PDB file of N, CA and C in Angstrom:
ATOM      1  N   UNK A   1      28.652 132.396 115.369  1.00  0.00           N
ATOM      2  CA  UNK A   1      27.867 131.686 114.377  1.00  0.00           C
ATOM      3  C   UNK A   1      28.710 131.480 113.120  1.00  0.00           C
ATOM      4  N   UNK A   2      28.359 130.470 112.375  1.00  0.00           N
ATOM      5  CA  UNK A   2      29.124 130.129 111.185  1.00  0.00           C
ATOM      6  C   UNK A   2      28.353 130.474 109.923  1.00  0.00           C
ATOM      7  N   UNK A   3      29.078 131.041 108.952  1.00  0.00           N
ATOM      8  CA  UNK A   3      28.482 131.364 107.659  1.00  0.00           C
ATOM      9  C   UNK A   3      28.251 130.094 106.860  1.00  0.00           C
ATOM     10  N   UNK A   4      27.177 130.119 106.073  1.00  0.00           N
ATOM     11  CA  UNK A   4      26.874 129.026 105.159  1.00  0.00           C
ATOM     12  C   UNK A   4      26.449 129.622 103.836  1.00  0.00           C
ATOM     13  N   UNK A   5      26.414 128.777 102.811  1.00  0.00           N
ATOM     14  CA  UNK A   5      26.023 129.208 101.472  1.00  0.00           C
ATOM     15  C   UNK A   5      24.861 128.345 100.993  1.00  0.00           C
ATOM     16  N   UNK A   6      23.877 128.989 100.380  1.00  0.00           N
ATOM     17  CA  UNK A   6      22.720 128.304  99.811  1.00  0.00           C
ATOM     18  C   UNK A   6      22.523 128.792  98.386  1.00  0.00           C
ATOM     19  N   UNK A   7      22.121 127.893  97.496  1.00  0.00           N
ATOM     20  CA  UNK A   7      21.827 128.251  96.117  1.00  0.00           C
ATOM     21  C   UNK A   7      20.438 127.729  95.775  1.00  0.00           C
ATOM     22  N   UNK A   8      19.679 128.563  95.089  1.00  0.00           N
ATOM     23  CA  UNK A   8      18.339 128.156  94.688  1.00  0.00           C
ATOM     24  C   UNK A   8      17.570 129.318  94.098  1.00  0.00           C
ATOM     25  N   UNK A   9      16.266 129.211  94.143  1.00  0.00           N
ATOM     26  CA  UNK A   9      15.356 130.180  93.549  1.00  0.00           C
ATOM     27  C   UNK A   9      14.826 131.137  94.617  1.00  0.00           C
ATOM     28  N   UNK A  10      14.923 132.452  94.341  1.00  0.00           N
ATOM     29  CA  UNK A  10      14.505 133.504  95.282  1.00  0.00           C
ATOM     30  C   UNK A  10      13.007 133.756  95.111  1.00  0.00           C
ATOM     31  N   UNK A  11      12.275 133.794  96.216  1.00  0.00           N
ATOM     32  CA  UNK A  11      10.818 133.994  96.168  1.00  0.00           C
ATOM     33  C   UNK A  11      10.385 135.078  97.140  1.00  0.00           C
ATOM     34  N   UNK A  12       9.343 135.818  96.731  1.00  0.00           N
ATOM     35  CA  UNK A  12       8.721 136.845  97.566  1.00  0.00           C
ATOM     36  C   UNK A  12       7.381 136.317  98.053  1.00  0.00           C
ATOM     37  N   UNK A  13       7.057 136.614  99.299  1.00  0.00           N
ATOM     38  CA  UNK A  13       5.755 136.273  99.859  1.00  0.00           C
ATOM     39  C   UNK A  13       5.147 137.543 100.427  1.00  0.00           C
ATOM     40  N   UNK A  14       3.939 137.853  99.992  1.00  0.00           N
ATOM     41  CA  UNK A  14       3.239 139.020 100.510  1.00  0.00           C
ATOM     42  C   UNK A  14       2.115 138.550 101.407  1.00  0.00           C
ATOM     43  N   UNK A  15       1.878 139.308 102.466  1.00  0.00           N
ATOM     44  CA  UNK A  15       0.786 138.941 103.364  1.00  0.00           C
ATOM     45  C   UNK A  15       0.253 140.131 104.115  1.00  0.00           C
ATOM     46  N   UNK A  16      -1.038 140.086 104.385  1.00  0.00           N
ATOM     47  CA  UNK A  16      -1.701 141.105 105.200  1.00  0.00           C
ATOM     48  C   UNK A  16      -1.894 140.532 106.598  1.00  0.00           C
ATOM     49  N   UNK A  17      -1.922 141.400 107.605  1.00  0.00           N
ATOM     50  CA  UNK A  17      -2.185 140.890 108.952  1.00  0.00           C
ATOM     51  C   UNK A  17      -3.611 140.347 109.019  1.00  0.00           C
ATOM     52  N   UNK A  18      -3.836 139.327 109.838  1.00  0.00           N
ATOM     53  CA  UNK A  18      -5.184 138.775 109.940  1.00  0.00           C
ATOM     54  C   UNK A  18      -6.132 139.764 110.614  1.00  0.00           C
ATOM     55  N   UNK A  19      -7.399 139.807 110.162  1.00  0.00           N
ATOM     56  CA  UNK A  19      -8.352 140.703 110.808  1.00  0.00           C
ATOM     57  C   UNK A  19      -8.600 140.225 112.226  1.00  0.00           C
ATOM     58  N   UNK A  20      -8.914 141.016 113.141  1.00  0.00           N
ATOM     59  CA  UNK A  20      -9.114 142.461 113.057  1.00  0.00           C
ATOM     60  C   UNK A  20      -7.868 143.250 113.420  1.00  0.00           C
ATOM     61  N   UNK A  21      -6.688 142.623 113.377  1.00  0.00           N
ATOM     62  CA  UNK A  21      -5.463 143.324 113.785  1.00  0.00           C
ATOM     63  C   UNK A  21      -5.042 144.313 112.718  1.00  0.00           C
ATOM     64  N   UNK A  22      -4.829 145.566 113.128  1.00  0.00           N
ATOM     65  CA  UNK A  22      -4.349 146.552 112.151  1.00  0.00           C
ATOM     66  C   UNK A  22      -2.871 146.330 111.862  1.00  0.00           C
ATOM     67  N   UNK A  23      -2.460 146.848 110.771  1.00  0.00           N
ATOM     68  CA  UNK A  23      -1.048 146.750 110.422  1.00  0.00           C
ATOM     69  C   UNK A  23      -0.870 146.846 108.929  1.00  0.00           C
ATOM     70  N   UNK A  24       0.368 146.976 108.548  1.00  0.00           N
ATOM     71  CA  UNK A  24       0.652 147.094 107.126  1.00  0.00           C
ATOM     72  C   UNK A  24       1.030 145.718 106.570  1.00  0.00           C
ATOM     73  N   UNK A  25       0.882 145.551 105.270  1.00  0.00           N
ATOM     74  CA  UNK A  25       1.266 144.281 104.652  1.00  0.00           C
ATOM     75  C   UNK A  25       2.747 143.991 104.889  1.00  0.00           C
ATOM     76  N   UNK A  26       3.065 142.724 104.912  1.00  0.00           N
ATOM     77  CA  UNK A  26       4.450 142.294 105.113  1.00  0.00           C
ATOM     78  C   UNK A  26       4.956 141.580 103.881  1.00  0.00           C
ATOM     79  N   UNK A  27       6.230 141.743 103.618  1.00  0.00           N
ATOM     80  CA  UNK A  27       6.894 141.005 102.554  1.00  0.00           C
ATOM     81  C   UNK A  27       7.948 140.125 103.206  1.00  0.00           C
ATOM     82  N   UNK A  28       7.940 138.862 102.840  1.00  0.00           N
ATOM     83  CA  UNK A  28       8.958 137.938 103.334  1.00  0.00           C
ATOM     84  C   UNK A  28       9.703 137.367 102.140  1.00  0.00           C
ATOM     85  N   UNK A  29      10.917 136.924 102.402  1.00  0.00           N
ATOM     86  CA  UNK A  29      11.771 136.370 101.346  1.00  0.00           C
ATOM     87  C   UNK A  29      12.115 134.931 101.690  1.00  0.00           C
ATOM     88  N   UNK A  30      12.101 134.088 100.654  1.00  0.00           N
ATOM     89  CA  UNK A  30      12.482 132.692 100.832  1.00  0.00           C
ATOM     90  C   UNK A  30      13.360 132.249  99.683  1.00  0.00           C
ATOM     91  N   UNK A  31      14.179 131.265  99.968  1.00  0.00           N
ATOM     92  CA  UNK A  31      14.991 130.621  98.957  1.00  0.00           C
ATOM     93  C   UNK A  31      14.575 129.155  98.929  1.00  0.00           C
ATOM     94  N   UNK A  32      14.246 128.653  97.749  1.00  0.00           N
ATOM     95  CA  UNK A  32      13.968 127.227  97.581  1.00  0.00           C
ATOM     96  C   UNK A  32      15.220 126.632  96.952  1.00  0.00           C
ATOM     97  N   UNK A  33      15.906 125.814  97.730  1.00  0.00           N
ATOM     98  CA  UNK A  33      17.198 125.277  97.286  1.00  0.00           C
ATOM     99  C   UNK A  33      17.001 124.187  96.232  1.00  0.00           C
ATOM    100  N   UNK A  34      18.096 123.797  95.636  1.00  0.00           N
ATOM    101  CA  UNK A  34      18.079 122.742  94.628  1.00  0.00           C
ATOM    102  C   UNK A  34      17.607 121.409  95.214  1.00  0.00           C
ATOM    103  N   UNK A  35      17.727 121.239  96.529  1.00  0.00           N
ATOM    104  CA  UNK A  35      17.282 120.012  97.201  1.00  0.00           C
ATOM    105  C   UNK A  35      15.834 120.116  97.678  1.00  0.00           C
ATOM    106  N   UNK A  36      15.185 121.256  97.391  1.00  0.00           N
ATOM    107  CA  UNK A  36      13.793 121.442  97.789  1.00  0.00           C
ATOM    108  C   UNK A  36      13.611 122.008  99.178  1.00  0.00           C
ATOM    109  N   UNK A  37      14.684 122.353  99.847  1.00  0.00           N
ATOM    110  CA  UNK A  37      14.623 122.947 101.175  1.00  0.00           C
ATOM    111  C   UNK A  37      14.148 124.400 101.043  1.00  0.00           C
ATOM    112  N   UNK A  38      13.249 124.837 101.932  1.00  0.00           N
ATOM    113  CA  UNK A  38      12.778 126.216 101.938  1.00  0.00           C
ATOM    114  C   UNK A  38      13.478 126.947 103.083  1.00  0.00           C
ATOM    115  N   UNK A  39      14.228 127.991 102.726  1.00  0.00           N
ATOM    116  CA  UNK A  39      15.005 128.758 103.700  1.00  0.00           C
ATOM    117  C   UNK A  39      14.420 130.163 103.780  1.00  0.00           C
ATOM    118  N   UNK A  40      13.963 130.559 104.966  1.00  0.00           N
ATOM    119  CA  UNK A  40      13.491 131.932 105.170  1.00  0.00           C
ATOM    120  C   UNK A  40      14.696 132.851 105.274  1.00  0.00           C
ATOM    121  N   UNK A  41      14.607 134.009 104.607  1.00  0.00           N
ATOM    122  CA  UNK A  41      15.735 134.935 104.530  1.00  0.00           C
ATOM    123  C   UNK A  41      15.404 136.271 105.180  1.00  0.00           C
ATOM    124  N   UNK A  42      16.371 136.818 105.883  1.00  0.00           N
ATOM    125  CA  UNK A  42      16.314 138.191 106.385  1.00  0.00           C
ATOM    126  C   UNK A  42      17.336 138.961 105.550  1.00  0.00           C
ATOM    127  N   UNK A  43      16.833 139.831 104.667  1.00  0.00           N
ATOM    128  CA  UNK A  43      17.705 140.524 103.717  1.00  0.00           C
ATOM    129  C   UNK A  43      17.567 142.021 103.896  1.00  0.00           C
ATOM    130  N   UNK A  44      18.681 142.715 104.067  1.00  0.00           N
ATOM    131  CA  UNK A  44      18.682 144.170 104.188  1.00  0.00           C
ATOM    132  C   UNK A  44      18.323 144.805 102.844  1.00  0.00           C
ATOM    133  N   UNK A  45      17.582 145.901 102.900  1.00  0.00           N
ATOM    134  CA  UNK A  45      17.209 146.624 101.683  1.00  0.00           C
ATOM    135  C   UNK A  45      18.446 147.018 100.873  1.00  0.00           C
ATOM    136  N   UNK A  46      19.537 147.320 101.549  1.00  0.00           N
ATOM    137  CA  UNK A  46      20.754 147.731 100.846  1.00  0.00           C
ATOM    138  C   UNK A  46      21.298 146.613  99.954  1.00  0.00           C
ATOM    139  N   UNK A  47      21.133 145.360 100.358  1.00  0.00           N
ATOM    140  CA  UNK A  47      21.578 144.243  99.509  1.00  0.00           C
ATOM    141  C   UNK A  47      20.669 144.069  98.300  1.00  0.00           C
ATOM    142  N   UNK A  48      19.381 144.362  98.472  1.00  0.00           N
ATOM    143  CA  UNK A  48      18.413 144.198  97.386  1.00  0.00           C
ATOM    144  C   UNK A  48      18.470 145.343  96.384  1.00  0.00           C
ATOM    145  N   UNK A  49      18.948 146.506  96.808  1.00  0.00           N
ATOM    146  CA  UNK A  49      18.964 147.699  95.953  1.00  0.00           C
ATOM    147  C   UNK A  49      19.776 147.474  94.675  1.00  0.00           C
ATOM    148  N   UNK A  50      20.841 146.720  94.771  1.00  0.00           N
ATOM    149  CA  UNK A  50      21.698 146.446  93.611  1.00  0.00           C
ATOM    150  C   UNK A  50      20.937 145.743  92.480  1.00  0.00           C
ATOM    151  N   UNK A  51      19.856 145.050  92.842  1.00  0.00           N
ATOM    152  CA  UNK A  51      19.067 144.289  91.871  1.00  0.00           C
ATOM    153  C   UNK A  51      17.751 144.980  91.531  1.00  0.00           C
ATOM    154  N   UNK A  52      17.609 146.244  91.947  1.00  0.00           N
ATOM    155  CA  UNK A  52      16.367 146.973  91.703  1.00  0.00           C
ATOM    156  C   UNK A  52      15.292 146.636  92.714  1.00  0.00           C
ATOM    157  N   UNK A  53      15.682 146.158  93.875  1.00  0.00           N
ATOM    158  CA  UNK A  53      14.741 145.762  94.911  1.00  0.00           C
ATOM    159  C   UNK A  53      14.430 144.276  94.825  1.00  0.00           C
ATOM    160  N   UNK A  54      13.574 143.796  95.715  1.00  0.00           N
ATOM    161  CA  UNK A  54      13.302 142.357  95.759  1.00  0.00           C
ATOM    162  C   UNK A  54      12.656 141.811  94.491  1.00  0.00           C
ATOM    163  N   UNK A  55      11.871 142.615  93.801  1.00  0.00           N
ATOM    164  CA  UNK A  55      11.240 142.129  92.565  1.00  0.00           C
ATOM    165  C   UNK A  55      12.271 141.832  91.479  1.00  0.00           C
ATOM    166  N   UNK A  56      13.430 142.467  91.564  1.00  0.00           N
ATOM    167  CA  UNK A  56      14.491 142.202  90.605  1.00  0.00           C
ATOM    168  C   UNK A  56      15.082 140.803  90.753  1.00  0.00           C
ATOM    169  N   UNK A  57      14.832 140.161  91.896  1.00  0.00           N
ATOM    170  CA  UNK A  57      15.346 138.809  92.137  1.00  0.00           C
ATOM    171  C   UNK A  57      14.257 137.741  92.081  1.00  0.00           C
ATOM    172  N   UNK A  58      13.005 138.158  92.063  1.00  0.00           N
ATOM    173  CA  UNK A  58      11.883 137.213  92.145  1.00  0.00           C
ATOM    174  C   UNK A  58      11.980 136.130  91.080  1.00  0.00           C
ATOM    175  N   UNK A  59      12.011 134.893  91.530  1.00  0.00           N
ATOM    176  CA  UNK A  59      12.050 133.751  90.634  1.00  0.00           C
ATOM    177  C   UNK A  59      13.409 133.452  90.031  1.00  0.00           C
ATOM    178  N   UNK A  60      14.406 134.239  90.364  1.00  0.00           N
ATOM    179  CA  UNK A  60      15.740 134.042  89.776  1.00  0.00           C
ATOM    180  C   UNK A  60      16.592 133.133  90.653  1.00  0.00           C
ATOM    181  N   UNK A  61      17.555 132.511  90.004  1.00  0.00           N
ATOM    182  CA  UNK A  61      18.488 131.632  90.702  1.00  0.00           C
ATOM    183  C   UNK A  61      19.599 132.488  91.310  1.00  0.00           C
ATOM    184  N   UNK A  62      19.787 132.326  92.621  1.00  0.00           N
ATOM    185  CA  UNK A  62      20.776 133.118  93.347  1.00  0.00           C
ATOM    186  C   UNK A  62      21.569 132.231  94.291  1.00  0.00           C
ATOM    187  N   UNK A  63      22.682 132.778  94.739  1.00  0.00           N
ATOM    188  CA  UNK A  63      23.453 132.181  95.827  1.00  0.00           C
ATOM    189  C   UNK A  63      23.523 133.209  96.945  1.00  0.00           C
ATOM    190  N   UNK A  64      23.180 132.782  98.153  1.00  0.00           N
ATOM    191  CA  UNK A  64      23.254 133.665  99.310  1.00  0.00           C
ATOM    192  C   UNK A  64      24.255 133.113 100.306  1.00  0.00           C
ATOM    193  N   UNK A  65      24.929 134.018 100.981  1.00  0.00           N
ATOM    194  CA  UNK A  65      25.832 133.676 102.073  1.00  0.00           C
ATOM    195  C   UNK A  65      25.264 134.343 103.304  1.00  0.00           C
ATOM    196  N   UNK A  66      25.159 133.590 104.377  1.00  0.00           N
ATOM    197  CA  UNK A  66      24.617 134.161 105.604  1.00  0.00           C
ATOM    198  C   UNK A  66      24.786 133.216 106.767  1.00  0.00           C
ATOM    199  N   UNK A  67      24.132 133.594 107.858  1.00  0.00           N
ATOM    200  CA  UNK A  67      24.178 132.762 109.052  1.00  0.00           C
ATOM    201  C   UNK A  67      22.801 132.773 109.700  1.00  0.00           C
ATOM    202  N   UNK A  68      22.454 131.696 110.385  1.00  0.00           N
ATOM    203  CA  UNK A  68      21.154 131.656 111.044  1.00  0.00           C
ATOM    204  C   UNK A  68      21.012 132.810 112.037  1.00  0.00           C
ATOM    205  N   UNK A  69      19.838 133.445 112.013  1.00  0.00           N
ATOM    206  CA  UNK A  69      19.595 134.560 112.924  1.00  0.00           C
ATOM    207  C   UNK A  69      19.454 134.056 114.357  1.00  0.00           C
ATOM    208  N   UNK A  70      19.060 132.792 114.511  1.00  0.00           N
ATOM    209  CA  UNK A  70      18.899 132.172 115.826  1.00  0.00           C
ATOM    210  C   UNK A  70      19.726 130.897 115.862  1.00  0.00           C
ATOM    211  N   UNK A  71      19.978 130.420 117.056  1.00  0.00           N
ATOM    212  CA  UNK A  71      20.705 129.160 117.206  1.00  0.00           C
ATOM    213  C   UNK A  71      19.901 128.036 116.565  1.00  0.00           C
ATOM    214  N   UNK A  72      20.539 127.232 115.737  1.00  0.00           N
ATOM    215  CA  UNK A  72      19.853 126.103 115.112  1.00  0.00           C
ATOM    216  C   UNK A  72      19.031 126.530 113.916  1.00  0.00           C
ATOM    217  N   UNK A  73      17.754 126.193 113.939  1.00  0.00           N
ATOM    218  CA  UNK A  73      16.881 126.516 112.819  1.00  0.00           C
ATOM    219  C   UNK A  73      16.361 127.940 112.935  1.00  0.00           C
ATOM    220  N   UNK A  74      15.793 128.419 111.883  1.00  0.00           N
ATOM    221  CA  UNK A  74      15.250 129.775 111.858  1.00  0.00           C
ATOM    222  C   UNK A  74      15.702 130.481 110.610  1.00  0.00           C
ATOM    223  N   UNK A  75      15.287 131.723 110.458  1.00  0.00           N
ATOM    224  CA  UNK A  75      15.659 132.459 109.255  1.00  0.00           C
ATOM    225  C   UNK A  75      17.158 132.700 109.170  1.00  0.00           C
ATOM    226  N   UNK A  76      17.614 132.896 107.950  1.00  0.00           N
ATOM    227  CA  UNK A  76      19.028 133.164 107.688  1.00  0.00           C
ATOM    228  C   UNK A  76      19.207 134.659 107.462  1.00  0.00           C
ATOM    229  N   UNK A  77      20.128 135.256 108.198  1.00  0.00           N
ATOM    230  CA  UNK A  77      20.483 136.663 108.004  1.00  0.00           C
ATOM    231  C   UNK A  77      21.498 136.716 106.865  1.00  0.00           C
ATOM    232  N   UNK A  78      21.056 137.253 105.720  1.00  0.00           N
ATOM    233  CA  UNK A  78      21.869 137.245 104.498  1.00  0.00           C
ATOM    234  C   UNK A  78      22.939 138.326 104.576  1.00  0.00           C
ATOM    235  N   UNK A  79      24.166 137.933 104.277  1.00  0.00           N
ATOM    236  CA  UNK A  79      25.291 138.863 104.267  1.00  0.00           C
ATOM    237  C   UNK A  79      25.695 139.249 102.852  1.00  0.00           C
ATOM    238  N   UNK A  80      25.450 138.346 101.893  1.00  0.00           N
ATOM    239  CA  UNK A  80      25.700 138.682 100.487  1.00  0.00           C
ATOM    240  C   UNK A  80      24.770 137.842  99.622  1.00  0.00           C
ATOM    241  N   UNK A  81      24.491 138.395  98.444  1.00  0.00           N
ATOM    242  CA  UNK A  81      23.622 137.705  97.497  1.00  0.00           C
ATOM    243  C   UNK A  81      24.134 137.999  96.091  1.00  0.00           C
ATOM    244  N   UNK A  82      24.102 136.972  95.253  1.00  0.00           N
ATOM    245  CA  UNK A  82      24.523 137.187  93.859  1.00  0.00           C
ATOM    246  C   UNK A  82      23.670 136.324  92.953  1.00  0.00           C
ATOM    247  N   UNK A  83      23.489 136.828  91.746  1.00  0.00           N
ATOM    248  CA  UNK A  83      22.784 136.051  90.729  1.00  0.00           C
ATOM    249  C   UNK A  83      23.696 134.934  90.266  1.00  0.00           C
ATOM    250  N   UNK A  84      23.139 133.762  90.060  1.00  0.00           N
ATOM    251  CA  UNK A  84      23.906 132.659  89.498  1.00  0.00           C
ATOM    252  C   UNK A  84      23.818 132.715  87.998  1.00  0.00           C
ATOM    253  N   UNK A  85      24.869 132.329  87.331  1.00  0.00           N
ATOM    254  CA  UNK A  85      24.807 132.309  85.869  1.00  0.00           C
ATOM    255  C   UNK A  85      23.747 131.306  85.409  1.00  0.00           C
ATOM    256  N   UNK A  86      23.162 131.591  84.300  1.00  0.00           N
ATOM    257  CA  UNK A  86      22.145 130.709  83.738  1.00  0.00           C
ATOM    258  C   UNK A  86      22.816 129.442  83.238  1.00  0.00           C
ATOM    259  N   UNK A  87      22.240 128.317  83.599  1.00  0.00           N
ATOM    260  CA  UNK A  87      22.785 127.046  83.137  1.00  0.00           C
ATOM    261  C   UNK A  87      22.274 126.753  81.729  1.00  0.00           C
ATOM    262  N   UNK A  88      23.136 126.183  80.879  1.00  0.00           N
ATOM    263  CA  UNK A  88      22.688 125.848  79.508  1.00  0.00           C
ATOM    264  C   UNK A  88      21.657 124.746  79.510  1.00  0.00           C
TER     265      UNK A  88
END
């Protein structure tokens, strides 16, 4: 698989399983790129720890490097993430 780079706004999505299925709430991560593309992200907790967890990135502009977890479309398995400098 080939690595790619995406830049945009990092978002958290929280969700509960639909009733009557038991389970714990889920948190998902998405990046909304500058072109309006929504990219689902698979991010290891160890990558998020540097930013104080996922809430430390919520709504912030970031650049991620990763590769699709599946052939073609699907979530991106993030290999690195960094905050982008604030634009004037």
